[in-house]
């Protein structure tokens, strides 16, 4: 019993991601950094936003103490919640 949560986080480093659990809530936070920006370079249009983000998922039961497995490959974060 449990859930598999998938997050598309292209362009992030794993160390820039954190996962928090509180009651029935799982929160994924992170920061997408622009590692290619050059000093004095101006953007006209940009498809990718660089900043902090937070996504909160409300699950149907308390998951404090649940087994949480994390896998991050090719910009996809998989969070396995086993109750």
Protein backbone atom coordinates (compact mmCIF):
# COMPACT_ATOMS: atom_id res chain seq x y z
CA UNK A 1 0.00 0.00 0.00
CA UNK A 2 1.22 3.47 -0.81
CA UNK A 3 1.75 5.98 -3.58
CA UNK A 4 4.22 6.82 -6.32
CA UNK A 5 4.55 10.58 -6.85
CA UNK A 6 6.29 11.88 -9.99
CA UNK A 7 7.72 15.38 -10.38
CA UNK A 8 9.25 16.75 -13.58
CA UNK A 9 12.23 18.82 -12.40
CA UNK A 10 14.42 19.21 -15.46
CA UNK A 11 17.57 21.20 -14.98
CA UNK A 12 17.81 20.73 -11.21
CA UNK A 13 20.64 19.15 -9.28
CA UNK A 14 19.53 16.58 -6.69
CA UNK A 15 21.22 18.58 -3.91
CA UNK A 16 18.91 21.53 -4.71
CA UNK A 17 15.78 19.48 -3.84
CA UNK A 18 14.28 18.79 -0.40
CA UNK A 19 11.32 16.65 0.63
CA UNK A 20 9.34 17.34 3.80
CA UNK A 21 6.60 15.21 5.39
CA UNK A 22 4.07 16.49 7.93
CA UNK A 23 0.90 14.54 8.70
CA UNK A 24 -0.84 13.79 5.40
CA UNK A 25 1.22 16.39 3.50
CA UNK A 26 4.33 15.84 1.39
CA UNK A 27 6.17 18.95 0.18
CA UNK A 28 8.89 19.10 -2.47
CA UNK A 29 10.98 22.28 -2.42
CA UNK A 30 13.89 23.34 -4.51
CA UNK A 31 15.65 25.96 -6.50
CA UNK A 32 16.39 25.99 -10.21
CA UNK A 33 19.62 27.90 -10.73
CA UNK A 34 20.71 29.47 -13.99
CA UNK A 35 24.21 28.01 -14.22
CA UNK A 36 24.68 29.33 -17.75
CA UNK A 37 24.07 33.04 -17.06
CA UNK A 38 26.85 35.36 -18.09
CA UNK A 39 27.66 38.67 -16.45
CA UNK A 40 26.02 41.57 -18.29
CA UNK A 41 23.89 39.26 -20.47
CA UNK A 42 20.25 40.36 -20.99
CA UNK A 43 17.30 38.04 -21.73
CA UNK A 44 14.61 38.92 -24.24
CA UNK A 45 12.52 35.79 -23.79
CA UNK A 46 13.04 32.74 -21.61
CA UNK A 47 11.14 29.42 -21.59
CA UNK A 48 12.60 28.19 -18.29
CA UNK A 49 11.99 29.97 -15.00
CA UNK A 50 14.88 30.10 -12.55
CA UNK A 51 13.84 30.54 -8.95
CA UNK A 52 12.63 28.74 -5.85
CA UNK A 53 9.59 26.50 -6.07
CA UNK A 54 7.42 24.45 -3.75
CA UNK A 55 4.80 21.80 -4.51
CA UNK A 56 2.58 20.36 -1.78
CA UNK A 57 0.63 17.13 -2.14
CA UNK A 58 -2.17 16.30 0.30
CA UNK A 59 -2.49 12.52 0.70
CA UNK A 60 -5.61 10.83 2.14
CA UNK A 61 -3.91 9.66 5.36
CA UNK A 62 -1.11 10.55 7.76
CA UNK A 63 2.30 9.60 6.31
CA UNK A 64 4.51 10.52 9.29
CA UNK A 65 6.61 7.41 9.84
CA UNK A 66 5.92 6.03 6.35
CA UNK A 67 8.86 4.66 4.38
CA UNK A 68 9.89 7.27 1.80
CA UNK A 69 12.02 6.19 -1.16
CA UNK A 70 13.46 8.74 -3.56
CA UNK A 71 14.90 8.28 -7.04
CA UNK A 72 16.03 11.15 -9.28
CA UNK A 73 17.06 10.47 -12.89
CA UNK A 74 17.05 12.57 -16.04
CA UNK A 75 15.01 15.36 -14.47
CA UNK A 76 12.29 13.10 -13.04
CA UNK A 77 11.89 12.82 -9.26
CA UNK A 78 10.10 9.68 -8.09
CA UNK A 79 8.91 9.60 -4.49
CA UNK A 80 7.68 6.21 -3.22
CA UNK A 81 5.52 6.49 -0.09
CA UNK A 82 4.93 3.09 1.56
CA UNK A 83 2.55 2.94 4.51
